[in-house]
Amino acid sequence: MSFDPYTSHWDPPPPRSPQSSPHQNVPARPAHDPFAPSSSPSYATYPWQPPPAPPEPPRRARERTALGHHSDLRILRTAYRWQRRVATLTALGYFVLFLVLSAFAPSFMASTVTDGLPAGLLLALLQVPVTWLAIVLYERTARRRVDPLADLIRKQAELDARRGETR
């Protein structure tokens, strides 16, 4: 008797003739073995099986670091940061000095420098040239430190773009 899990009853075995051998009804072995490892399907047959690993991409030769190599950009950011600090501290530093003197040294600010011109008014009028000085320092540090680095990175980007087109 054999058991079929999809039915609710037992199926009797097929009748055998008395002269037949028990091995005559066994089918011949198939030419293709379904349990051989090479015959596994390309999809997962059971839900608990992990998905097949994707094929590895072909390896290419190591290339030169592309545009925006982090050290180049870090140097450029540092130069730009230095440029902003110089200009900002020049203008704001003078203004803070003026405010501190106004608050804590009113006698100095009220003192006359020449023919009735108080020191406070002179320092207030000097705020305009100090702002111009901050602009000049900003432009100077841009020309000396930031612009050459930006040009170098720009040229490297153009070279990388040309190299990318030829591939």
Protein backbone atom coordinates (compact mmCIF):
# COMPACT_ATOMS: atom_id res chain seq x y z
CA MET A 1 0.00 0.00 0.00
CA SER A 2 1.22 3.48 -0.73
CA PHE A 3 0.26 6.70 0.86
CA ASP A 4 -0.71 9.72 -1.20
CA PRO A 5 -0.55 12.90 0.90
CA TYR A 6 -3.02 14.66 -1.40
CA THR A 7 -5.83 12.18 -0.90
CA SER A 8 -7.55 11.10 2.25
CA HIS A 9 -7.37 7.34 1.62
CA TRP A 10 -4.77 4.63 0.96
CA ASP A 11 -4.30 3.41 -2.58
CA PRO A 12 -3.69 -0.32 -2.94
CA PRO A 13 -0.63 -1.32 -4.98
CA PRO A 14 -1.21 -2.35 -8.58
CA PRO A 15 -1.91 -6.09 -9.02
CA ARG A 16 1.06 -8.26 -9.95
CA SER A 17 1.01 -11.36 -11.96
CA PRO A 18 2.48 -14.40 -10.18
CA GLN A 19 5.16 -14.96 -12.78
CA SER A 20 6.41 -11.35 -12.79
CA SER A 21 9.41 -10.31 -10.82
CA PRO A 22 9.03 -7.45 -8.33
CA HIS A 23 11.72 -5.51 -10.24
CA GLN A 24 10.02 -5.65 -13.63
CA ASN A 25 7.66 -2.76 -12.88
CA VAL A 26 10.50 -0.41 -11.81
CA PRO A 27 10.97 2.21 -14.50
CA ALA A 28 14.38 2.57 -16.06
CA ARG A 29 16.59 5.31 -14.62
CA PRO A 30 15.99 8.54 -16.50
CA ALA A 31 18.77 9.87 -18.68
CA HIS A 32 18.65 13.14 -16.76
CA ASP A 33 19.01 12.81 -12.99
CA PRO A 34 16.69 15.40 -11.36
CA PHE A 35 18.70 15.28 -8.12
CA ALA A 36 22.05 16.05 -9.68
CA PRO A 37 23.55 19.39 -8.56
CA SER A 38 23.82 20.69 -12.11
CA SER A 39 20.08 20.36 -12.64
CA SER A 40 19.01 22.86 -9.98
CA PRO A 41 16.64 25.48 -11.30
CA SER A 42 17.68 29.11 -11.68
CA TYR A 43 15.03 30.16 -9.17
CA ALA A 44 14.62 29.36 -5.49
CA THR A 45 12.46 26.27 -5.11
CA TYR A 46 11.81 26.73 -1.41
CA PRO A 47 11.01 29.99 0.38
CA TRP A 48 13.72 29.45 3.00
CA GLN A 49 16.46 29.21 0.42
CA PRO A 50 18.53 32.37 0.01
CA PRO A 51 18.39 34.01 -3.40
CA PRO A 52 21.21 33.09 -5.73
CA ALA A 53 24.24 35.35 -5.52
CA PRO A 54 24.51 37.87 -8.35
CA PRO A 55 27.47 37.39 -10.65
CA GLU A 56 30.52 39.46 -9.77
CA PRO A 57 31.15 42.42 -12.07
CA PRO A 58 34.30 42.21 -14.14
CA ARG A 59 37.27 43.84 -12.45
CA ARG A 60 38.87 46.79 -14.16
CA ALA A 61 42.29 48.25 -13.73
CA ARG A 62 42.61 50.84 -10.97
CA GLU A 63 41.99 54.29 -12.36
CA ARG A 64 43.29 57.66 -11.32
CA THR A 65 41.11 59.30 -8.69
CA ALA A 66 38.32 61.22 -10.38
CA LEU A 67 37.39 64.86 -10.04
CA GLY A 68 37.03 66.26 -6.59
CA HIS A 69 39.59 64.14 -4.86
CA HIS A 70 38.81 64.79 -1.24
CA SER A 71 42.25 66.23 -0.42
CA ASP A 72 42.00 68.80 -3.26
CA LEU A 73 38.57 69.90 -2.12
CA ARG A 74 39.69 69.96 1.50
CA ILE A 75 42.56 72.30 0.62
CA LEU A 76 40.19 74.52 -1.37
CA ARG A 77 37.69 74.66 1.50
CA THR A 78 40.48 75.54 3.94
CA ALA A 79 41.69 78.37 1.72
CA TYR A 80 38.18 79.71 1.26
CA ARG A 81 37.54 79.48 5.01
CA TRP A 82 40.76 81.43 5.67
CA GLN A 83 39.66 84.05 3.15
CA ARG A 84 36.28 84.53 4.84
CA ARG A 85 37.82 84.72 8.31
CA VAL A 86 40.31 87.40 7.34
CA ALA A 87 37.67 89.63 5.75
CA THR A 88 35.05 89.04 8.44
CA LEU A 89 37.38 89.55 11.37
CA THR A 90 38.74 92.73 9.83
CA ALA A 91 35.34 94.37 9.44
CA LEU A 92 33.60 92.93 12.49
CA GLY A 93 36.66 93.25 14.70
CA TYR A 94 36.86 96.98 14.13
CA PHE A 95 33.11 97.41 14.65
CA VAL A 96 33.19 95.42 17.93
CA LEU A 97 36.14 97.54 19.07
CA PHE A 98 34.09 100.66 18.35
CA LEU A 99 31.10 99.28 20.31
CA VAL A 100 33.22 98.25 23.30
CA LEU A 101 34.88 101.66 23.44
CA SER A 102 31.48 103.34 23.20
CA ALA A 103 30.11 101.27 26.08
CA PHE A 104 33.07 101.07 28.44
CA ALA A 105 35.15 104.16 27.63
CA PRO A 106 32.69 107.02 27.15
CA SER A 107 35.24 109.57 28.34
CA PHE A 108 37.67 108.46 25.63
CA MET A 109 34.98 108.58 22.97
CA ALA A 110 33.93 112.08 24.10
CA SER A 111 37.45 113.45 24.15
CA THR A 112 38.37 115.77 21.30
CA VAL A 113 41.05 114.83 18.83
CA THR A 114 41.36 118.11 16.88
CA ASP A 115 39.38 121.34 16.95
CA GLY A 116 36.15 119.91 18.39
CA LEU A 117 36.21 116.53 16.53
CA PRO A 118 35.42 113.87 19.14
CA ALA A 119 37.29 110.55 18.99
CA GLY A 120 33.99 108.63 18.78
CA LEU A 121 32.98 110.43 15.62
CA LEU A 122 36.44 109.93 14.10
CA LEU A 123 36.29 106.17 14.87
CA ALA A 124 32.77 105.99 13.40
CA LEU A 125 33.92 107.70 10.20
CA LEU A 126 36.87 105.29 9.98
CA GLN A 127 34.41 102.40 9.77
CA VAL A 128 33.92 103.05 6.03
CA PRO A 129 37.64 102.79 5.12
CA VAL A 130 37.98 99.70 7.34
CA THR A 131 35.13 98.06 5.41
CA TRP A 132 36.93 98.89 2.15
CA LEU A 133 40.09 97.37 3.63
CA ALA A 134 38.15 94.18 4.41
CA ILE A 135 36.97 94.05 0.78
CA VAL A 136 40.53 94.53 -0.48
CA LEU A 137 41.82 91.77 1.82
CA TYR A 138 39.04 89.47 0.62
CA GLU A 139 39.96 90.08 -3.02
CA ARG A 140 43.69 89.68 -2.33
CA THR A 141 43.35 86.39 -0.50
CA ALA A 142 40.99 85.16 -3.23
CA ARG A 143 43.57 85.90 -5.93
CA ARG A 144 46.50 84.49 -3.97
CA ARG A 145 45.04 81.39 -2.31
CA VAL A 146 41.57 80.38 -3.50
CA ASP A 147 41.52 81.09 -7.24
CA PRO A 148 44.67 79.08 -8.11
CA LEU A 149 43.31 76.04 -6.27
CA ALA A 150 39.91 76.37 -7.95
CA ASP A 151 41.60 76.66 -11.37
CA LEU A 152 43.65 73.52 -10.68
CA ILE A 153 40.56 71.53 -9.71
CA ARG A 154 38.69 72.88 -12.76
CA LYS A 155 41.54 71.75 -15.09
CA GLN A 156 41.56 68.30 -13.49
CA ALA A 157 37.81 68.09 -14.03
CA GLU A 158 38.22 68.91 -17.71
CA LEU A 159 40.93 66.25 -18.07
CA ASP A 160 38.77 63.68 -16.31
CA ALA A 161 35.84 64.55 -18.59
CA ARG A 162 38.00 64.10 -21.70
CA ARG A 163 39.34 60.79 -20.40
CA GLY A 164 35.78 59.64 -19.74
CA GLU A 165 34.71 60.46 -23.34
CA THR A 166 37.50 58.38 -24.87
CA ARG A 167 36.48 55.20 -23.02
